[in-house]
Amino acid sequence: MKIGFSYSRCVRDIVDGNVNIDDVLIIIARTNFDPHNDEQWTGIWGGYRYGGHSRAEWHHCKDSDEQRYRDVSLELYESGRLHQPRQFGSHPHRSPYVWVDTGPIGHEQYSQPESVQQAWQNYLMLSALTR
């Protein structure tokens, strides 16, 4: 399972097929919008598709991709996997990470053989040492 820390980059990874939406536990986004709201969606799409260099995370896609991006956004929103702290008055800082794994992808960590569990613990330790 994965925790995402960038709405635009995480949705892009899902749409591009780099991350399976079923592997997403939650995305903690710095956005504050409802993908059901057409006006708000237009602002999000325009900002990430055509916005200034730092905001144009979706500049590589085609205009015909818009519905795919919105569908992913809607699925995350409706399933409660799009957490937007700004909706609650918080202003989170930009994370240096896009994704963080919570355990071996596609597997329940503790139902794995002991060797897999140990390998995962070693990975976590090494990952923490390299930050």
N, C-alpha and C. Protein backbone atom coordinates (compact mmCIF):
# COMPACT_ATOMS: atom_id res chain seq x y z
N MET A 1 0.84 -1.18 0.00
CA MET A 1 0.00 0.00 0.00
C MET A 1 0.89 1.24 0.00
N LYS A 2 0.33 2.31 -0.55
CA LYS A 2 1.09 3.55 -0.68
C LYS A 2 0.33 4.73 -0.07
N ILE A 3 1.10 5.65 0.47
CA ILE A 3 0.58 6.94 0.91
C ILE A 3 1.21 7.98 -0.01
N GLY A 4 0.36 8.82 -0.61
CA GLY A 4 0.84 9.85 -1.51
C GLY A 4 0.83 11.21 -0.84
N PHE A 5 1.72 12.09 -1.29
CA PHE A 5 1.85 13.41 -0.68
C PHE A 5 1.76 14.54 -1.70
N SER A 6 1.28 14.26 -2.89
CA SER A 6 1.12 15.29 -3.91
C SER A 6 -0.07 14.90 -4.78
N TYR A 7 -1.14 15.66 -4.69
CA TYR A 7 -2.32 15.34 -5.48
C TYR A 7 -1.97 15.22 -6.96
N SER A 8 -1.35 16.25 -7.52
CA SER A 8 -1.11 16.27 -8.96
C SER A 8 -0.17 15.17 -9.42
N ARG A 9 0.91 14.96 -8.70
CA ARG A 9 1.88 13.94 -9.10
C ARG A 9 1.35 12.53 -8.87
N CYS A 10 0.57 12.34 -7.81
CA CYS A 10 0.02 11.01 -7.54
C CYS A 10 -1.05 10.64 -8.57
N VAL A 11 -1.93 11.58 -8.87
CA VAL A 11 -2.96 11.30 -9.88
C VAL A 11 -2.29 11.04 -11.23
N ARG A 12 -1.27 11.80 -11.54
CA ARG A 12 -0.53 11.58 -12.80
C ARG A 12 0.05 10.17 -12.84
N ASP A 13 0.65 9.73 -11.73
CA ASP A 13 1.22 8.38 -11.68
C ASP A 13 0.16 7.30 -11.87
N ILE A 14 -1.03 7.53 -11.31
CA ILE A 14 -2.12 6.56 -11.46
C ILE A 14 -2.60 6.54 -12.91
N VAL A 15 -2.86 7.70 -13.47
CA VAL A 15 -3.35 7.78 -14.86
C VAL A 15 -2.31 7.20 -15.82
N ASP A 16 -1.04 7.46 -15.59
CA ASP A 16 0.02 6.96 -16.47
C ASP A 16 0.28 5.46 -16.29
N GLY A 17 -0.34 4.85 -15.28
CA GLY A 17 -0.16 3.41 -15.06
C GLY A 17 1.06 3.05 -14.24
N ASN A 18 1.71 4.04 -13.63
CA ASN A 18 2.89 3.76 -12.81
C ASN A 18 2.52 3.28 -11.41
N VAL A 19 1.31 3.60 -10.97
CA VAL A 19 0.80 3.18 -9.66
C VAL A 19 -0.62 2.68 -9.87
N ASN A 20 -0.93 1.54 -9.29
CA ASN A 20 -2.28 0.99 -9.36
C ASN A 20 -3.13 1.68 -8.29
N ILE A 21 -4.28 2.18 -8.68
CA ILE A 21 -5.14 2.90 -7.73
C ILE A 21 -5.53 2.01 -6.55
N ASP A 22 -5.56 0.69 -6.76
CA ASP A 22 -5.90 -0.23 -5.68
C ASP A 22 -4.80 -0.33 -4.64
N ASP A 23 -3.58 0.14 -4.96
CA ASP A 23 -2.47 0.14 -4.01
C ASP A 23 -2.39 1.43 -3.21
N VAL A 24 -3.33 2.36 -3.43
CA VAL A 24 -3.31 3.65 -2.74
C VAL A 24 -4.11 3.56 -1.45
N LEU A 25 -3.44 3.78 -0.33
CA LEU A 25 -4.11 3.83 0.96
C LEU A 25 -4.76 5.19 1.13
N ILE A 26 -4.00 6.25 0.87
CA ILE A 26 -4.50 7.62 0.98
C ILE A 26 -3.52 8.56 0.28
N ILE A 27 -4.06 9.69 -0.18
CA ILE A 27 -3.22 10.77 -0.70
C ILE A 27 -3.51 11.98 0.19
N ILE A 28 -2.46 12.50 0.80
CA ILE A 28 -2.58 13.69 1.63
C ILE A 28 -2.16 14.86 0.76
N ALA A 29 -3.16 15.63 0.33
CA ALA A 29 -2.96 16.66 -0.69
C ALA A 29 -2.95 18.06 -0.09
N ARG A 30 -2.32 18.98 -0.79
CA ARG A 30 -2.32 20.38 -0.38
C ARG A 30 -3.44 21.14 -1.08
N THR A 31 -4.32 20.43 -1.78
CA THR A 31 -5.43 21.05 -2.50
C THR A 31 -6.63 21.23 -1.58
N ASN A 32 -7.61 21.94 -2.07
CA ASN A 32 -8.89 22.10 -1.38
C ASN A 32 -9.96 22.28 -2.45
N PHE A 33 -10.48 21.17 -2.94
CA PHE A 33 -11.48 21.24 -3.99
C PHE A 33 -12.33 19.98 -3.97
N ASP A 34 -13.46 20.06 -4.62
CA ASP A 34 -14.37 18.93 -4.77
C ASP A 34 -14.42 18.59 -6.26
N PRO A 35 -13.95 17.40 -6.66
CA PRO A 35 -13.93 17.07 -8.08
C PRO A 35 -15.32 16.95 -8.70
N HIS A 36 -16.38 16.93 -7.88
CA HIS A 36 -17.74 16.94 -8.41
C HIS A 36 -18.15 18.33 -8.90
N ASN A 37 -17.51 19.35 -8.34
CA ASN A 37 -17.84 20.74 -8.66
C ASN A 37 -17.14 21.14 -9.97
N ASP A 38 -17.94 21.39 -11.01
CA ASP A 38 -17.38 21.68 -12.33
C ASP A 38 -16.47 22.90 -12.32
N GLU A 39 -16.85 23.94 -11.61
CA GLU A 39 -16.04 25.16 -11.57
C GLU A 39 -14.70 24.89 -10.88
N GLN A 40 -14.74 24.17 -9.77
CA GLN A 40 -13.49 23.86 -9.07
C GLN A 40 -12.62 22.92 -9.91
N TRP A 41 -13.25 21.95 -10.56
CA TRP A 41 -12.48 21.04 -11.40
C TRP A 41 -11.80 21.80 -12.54
N THR A 42 -12.50 22.74 -13.15
CA THR A 42 -11.93 23.53 -14.24
C THR A 42 -10.68 24.26 -13.76
N GLY A 43 -10.72 24.79 -12.54
CA GLY A 43 -9.55 25.46 -11.98
C GLY A 43 -8.39 24.51 -11.74
N ILE A 44 -8.69 23.33 -11.21
CA ILE A 44 -7.64 22.33 -10.97
C ILE A 44 -7.03 21.88 -12.29
N TRP A 45 -7.88 21.52 -13.25
CA TRP A 45 -7.38 21.06 -14.55
C TRP A 45 -6.54 22.14 -15.23
N GLY A 46 -7.04 23.34 -15.25
CA GLY A 46 -6.31 24.44 -15.88
C GLY A 46 -4.98 24.72 -15.20
N GLY A 47 -4.98 24.70 -13.88
CA GLY A 47 -3.75 24.97 -13.14
C GLY A 47 -2.68 23.92 -13.36
N TYR A 48 -3.08 22.66 -13.31
CA TYR A 48 -2.09 21.59 -13.45
C TYR A 48 -1.78 21.25 -14.91
N ARG A 49 -2.66 21.60 -15.80
CA ARG A 49 -2.43 21.33 -17.23
C ARG A 49 -1.70 22.48 -17.90
N TYR A 50 -2.08 23.72 -17.57
CA TYR A 50 -1.55 24.89 -18.28
C TYR A 50 -0.85 25.89 -17.38
N GLY A 51 -0.89 25.68 -16.07
CA GLY A 51 -0.35 26.66 -15.13
C GLY A 51 1.13 26.93 -15.30
N GLY A 52 1.62 27.81 -14.45
CA GLY A 52 3.04 28.13 -14.47
C GLY A 52 3.90 26.89 -14.33
N HIS A 53 5.16 27.00 -14.64
CA HIS A 53 6.09 25.85 -14.70
C HIS A 53 5.99 24.96 -13.46
N SER A 54 5.97 25.52 -12.28
CA SER A 54 5.97 24.71 -11.07
C SER A 54 4.63 24.03 -10.82
N ARG A 55 3.55 24.53 -11.42
CA ARG A 55 2.24 23.94 -11.19
C ARG A 55 1.79 23.02 -12.31
N ALA A 56 2.41 23.10 -13.45
CA ALA A 56 1.92 22.36 -14.62
C ALA A 56 2.38 20.90 -14.59
N GLU A 57 1.94 20.17 -13.57
CA GLU A 57 2.32 18.77 -13.40
C GLU A 57 1.74 17.88 -14.49
N TRP A 58 0.67 18.33 -15.15
CA TRP A 58 -0.01 17.52 -16.16
C TRP A 58 0.25 18.06 -17.56
N HIS A 59 1.32 18.81 -17.75
CA HIS A 59 1.60 19.44 -19.04
C HIS A 59 1.82 18.43 -20.16
N HIS A 60 2.23 17.22 -19.82
CA HIS A 60 2.54 16.20 -20.83
C HIS A 60 1.30 15.54 -21.42
N CYS A 61 0.16 15.69 -20.77
CA CYS A 61 -1.03 14.98 -21.23
C CYS A 61 -1.77 15.78 -22.31
N LYS A 62 -2.73 15.12 -22.92
CA LYS A 62 -3.54 15.77 -23.96
C LYS A 62 -4.85 16.26 -23.33
N ASP A 63 -5.48 17.21 -23.99
CA ASP A 63 -6.77 17.69 -23.50
C ASP A 63 -7.78 16.56 -23.41
N SER A 64 -7.66 15.56 -24.28
CA SER A 64 -8.59 14.43 -24.27
C SER A 64 -8.40 13.54 -23.04
N ASP A 65 -7.30 13.73 -22.27
CA ASP A 65 -7.06 12.95 -21.06
C ASP A 65 -7.81 13.51 -19.85
N GLU A 66 -8.43 14.66 -19.99
CA GLU A 66 -9.04 15.32 -18.84
C GLU A 66 -10.02 14.40 -18.09
N GLN A 67 -10.86 13.69 -18.79
CA GLN A 67 -11.85 12.85 -18.11
C GLN A 67 -11.18 11.73 -17.32
N ARG A 68 -10.07 11.19 -17.81
CA ARG A 68 -9.35 10.15 -17.06
C ARG A 68 -8.82 10.73 -15.74
N TYR A 69 -8.29 11.93 -15.78
CA TYR A 69 -7.79 12.57 -14.57
C TYR A 69 -8.94 12.85 -13.60
N ARG A 70 -10.05 13.28 -14.13
CA ARG A 70 -11.19 13.58 -13.26
C ARG A 70 -11.76 12.28 -12.68
N ASP A 71 -11.83 11.24 -13.47
CA ASP A 71 -12.35 9.95 -12.97
C ASP A 71 -11.49 9.41 -11.83
N VAL A 72 -10.18 9.48 -11.97
CA VAL A 72 -9.28 9.05 -10.89
C VAL A 72 -9.51 9.92 -9.66
N SER A 73 -9.61 11.22 -9.87
CA SER A 73 -9.84 12.15 -8.75
C SER A 73 -11.15 11.83 -8.05
N LEU A 74 -12.19 11.57 -8.82
CA LEU A 74 -13.49 11.23 -8.24
C LEU A 74 -13.44 9.93 -7.46
N GLU A 75 -12.76 8.92 -8.00
CA GLU A 75 -12.67 7.65 -7.29
C GLU A 75 -11.94 7.81 -5.96
N LEU A 76 -10.83 8.55 -5.98
CA LEU A 76 -10.09 8.78 -4.73
C LEU A 76 -10.94 9.57 -3.73
N TYR A 77 -11.62 10.58 -4.21
CA TYR A 77 -12.45 11.44 -3.36
C TYR A 77 -13.61 10.65 -2.75
N GLU A 78 -14.32 9.92 -3.59
CA GLU A 78 -15.50 9.19 -3.13
C GLU A 78 -15.16 8.02 -2.21
N SER A 79 -13.98 7.46 -2.37
CA SER A 79 -13.57 6.34 -1.52
C SER A 79 -12.89 6.80 -0.24
N GLY A 80 -12.78 8.12 -0.04
CA GLY A 80 -12.16 8.65 1.17
C GLY A 80 -10.65 8.57 1.17
N ARG A 81 -10.06 8.39 0.00
CA ARG A 81 -8.60 8.27 -0.08
C ARG A 81 -7.92 9.55 -0.53
N LEU A 82 -8.68 10.64 -0.63
CA LEU A 82 -8.11 11.95 -0.94
C LEU A 82 -8.35 12.84 0.27
N HIS A 83 -7.33 12.97 1.10
CA HIS A 83 -7.42 13.79 2.31
C HIS A 83 -6.84 15.16 1.99
N GLN A 84 -7.63 16.20 2.25
CA GLN A 84 -7.23 17.57 1.95
C GLN A 84 -7.27 18.39 3.25
N PRO A 85 -6.14 18.45 3.97
CA PRO A 85 -6.11 19.16 5.26
C PRO A 85 -6.57 20.61 5.18
N ARG A 86 -6.44 21.26 4.04
CA ARG A 86 -6.88 22.66 3.92
C ARG A 86 -8.39 22.79 4.11
N GLN A 87 -9.12 21.72 3.87
CA GLN A 87 -10.57 21.76 4.11
C GLN A 87 -10.87 21.92 5.60
N PHE A 88 -9.87 21.64 6.44
CA PHE A 88 -10.04 21.69 7.89
C PHE A 88 -9.20 22.78 8.54
N GLY A 89 -8.70 23.72 7.72
CA GLY A 89 -7.96 24.86 8.25
C GLY A 89 -6.47 24.65 8.40
N SER A 90 -5.96 23.51 8.01
CA SER A 90 -4.53 23.25 8.11
C SER A 90 -3.86 23.58 6.77
N HIS A 91 -2.61 23.98 6.84
CA HIS A 91 -1.86 24.31 5.63
C HIS A 91 -0.57 23.49 5.61
N PRO A 92 -0.65 22.25 5.10
CA PRO A 92 0.53 21.38 5.14
C PRO A 92 1.65 21.88 4.24
N HIS A 93 2.86 21.57 4.65
CA HIS A 93 4.03 21.93 3.86
C HIS A 93 4.21 20.91 2.75
N ARG A 94 4.90 21.31 1.70
CA ARG A 94 5.20 20.40 0.59
C ARG A 94 6.14 19.31 1.09
N SER A 95 5.79 18.08 0.82
CA SER A 95 6.61 16.95 1.23
C SER A 95 7.69 16.70 0.18
N PRO A 96 8.87 16.26 0.61
CA PRO A 96 9.89 15.90 -0.37
C PRO A 96 9.58 14.57 -1.06
N TYR A 97 8.57 13.86 -0.56
CA TYR A 97 8.20 12.56 -1.10
C TYR A 97 6.92 12.66 -1.91
N VAL A 98 6.81 11.86 -2.95
CA VAL A 98 5.56 11.75 -3.68
C VAL A 98 4.79 10.55 -3.12
N TRP A 99 5.47 9.42 -2.97
CA TRP A 99 4.86 8.19 -2.46
C TRP A 99 5.73 7.61 -1.34
N VAL A 100 5.09 6.98 -0.37
CA VAL A 100 5.77 6.20 0.65
C VAL A 100 5.04 4.87 0.75
N ASP A 101 5.78 3.78 0.72
CA ASP A 101 5.18 2.46 0.85
C ASP A 101 4.93 2.14 2.32
N THR A 102 3.78 1.55 2.60
CA THR A 102 3.46 1.17 3.97
C THR A 102 3.81 -0.28 4.25
N GLY A 103 4.07 -1.05 3.23
CA GLY A 103 4.40 -2.46 3.39
C GLY A 103 4.62 -3.05 2.02
N PRO A 104 4.96 -4.31 1.96
CA PRO A 104 5.12 -4.94 0.65
C PRO A 104 3.86 -4.75 -0.19
N ILE A 105 4.02 -4.22 -1.37
CA ILE A 105 2.89 -3.86 -2.24
C ILE A 105 2.10 -5.10 -2.62
N GLY A 106 0.79 -4.98 -2.49
CA GLY A 106 -0.09 -6.04 -2.91
C GLY A 106 -0.17 -7.21 -1.95
N HIS A 107 0.46 -7.09 -0.79
CA HIS A 107 0.45 -8.18 0.18
C HIS A 107 0.20 -7.65 1.57
N GLU A 108 -0.47 -8.42 2.36
CA GLU A 108 -0.62 -8.08 3.77
C GLU A 108 0.71 -8.42 4.43
N GLN A 109 1.34 -7.43 5.03
CA GLN A 109 2.71 -7.58 5.53
C GLN A 109 2.87 -8.76 6.48
N TYR A 110 1.96 -8.93 7.40
CA TYR A 110 2.17 -9.91 8.46
C TYR A 110 1.71 -11.31 8.10
N SER A 111 1.14 -11.50 6.92
CA SER A 111 0.79 -12.85 6.48
C SER A 111 1.89 -13.42 5.59
N GLN A 112 2.98 -12.69 5.46
CA GLN A 112 4.09 -13.12 4.63
C GLN A 112 5.03 -14.03 5.42
N PRO A 113 5.82 -14.81 4.72
CA PRO A 113 6.83 -15.63 5.40
C PRO A 113 7.78 -14.73 6.20
N GLU A 114 8.38 -15.30 7.20
CA GLU A 114 9.28 -14.54 8.07
C GLU A 114 10.40 -13.86 7.29
N SER A 115 10.91 -14.52 6.24
CA SER A 115 12.00 -13.93 5.45
C SER A 115 11.54 -12.64 4.76
N VAL A 116 10.30 -12.59 4.28
CA VAL A 116 9.76 -11.40 3.64
C VAL A 116 9.58 -10.30 4.68
N GLN A 117 9.06 -10.65 5.84
CA GLN A 117 8.90 -9.67 6.91
C GLN A 117 10.25 -9.09 7.32
N GLN A 118 11.26 -9.93 7.43
CA GLN A 118 12.60 -9.45 7.81
C GLN A 118 13.18 -8.56 6.72
N ALA A 119 13.00 -8.95 5.47
CA ALA A 119 13.50 -8.13 4.36
C ALA A 119 12.82 -6.76 4.38
N TRP A 120 11.54 -6.73 4.67
CA TRP A 120 10.81 -5.46 4.73
C TRP A 120 11.34 -4.60 5.87
N GLN A 121 11.59 -5.18 7.02
CA GLN A 121 12.12 -4.43 8.15
C GLN A 121 13.51 -3.88 7.82
N ASN A 122 14.33 -4.67 7.13
CA ASN A 122 15.65 -4.20 6.71
C ASN A 122 15.53 -3.04 5.73
N TYR A 123 14.58 -3.15 4.80
CA TYR A 123 14.35 -2.05 3.86
C TYR A 123 13.98 -0.77 4.61
N LEU A 124 13.05 -0.88 5.55
CA LEU A 124 12.62 0.31 6.31
C LEU A 124 13.80 0.94 7.05
N MET A 125 14.65 0.10 7.65
CA MET A 125 15.80 0.62 8.36
C MET A 125 16.75 1.36 7.40
N LEU A 126 17.06 0.73 6.27
CA LEU A 126 17.97 1.36 5.30
C LEU A 126 17.36 2.62 4.71
N SER A 127 16.07 2.59 4.47
CA SER A 127 15.41 3.78 3.95
C SER A 127 15.50 4.93 4.93
N ALA A 128 15.29 4.65 6.19
CA ALA A 128 15.37 5.69 7.23
C ALA A 128 16.79 6.25 7.34
N LEU A 129 17.78 5.42 7.17
CA LEU A 129 19.19 5.86 7.27
C LEU A 129 19.62 6.73 6.10
N THR A 130 18.95 6.64 4.98
CA THR A 130 19.36 7.39 3.79
C THR A 130 18.59 8.69 3.61
N ARG A 131 17.75 9.06 4.53
CA ARG A 131 16.98 10.31 4.42
C ARG A 131 17.75 11.48 4.92
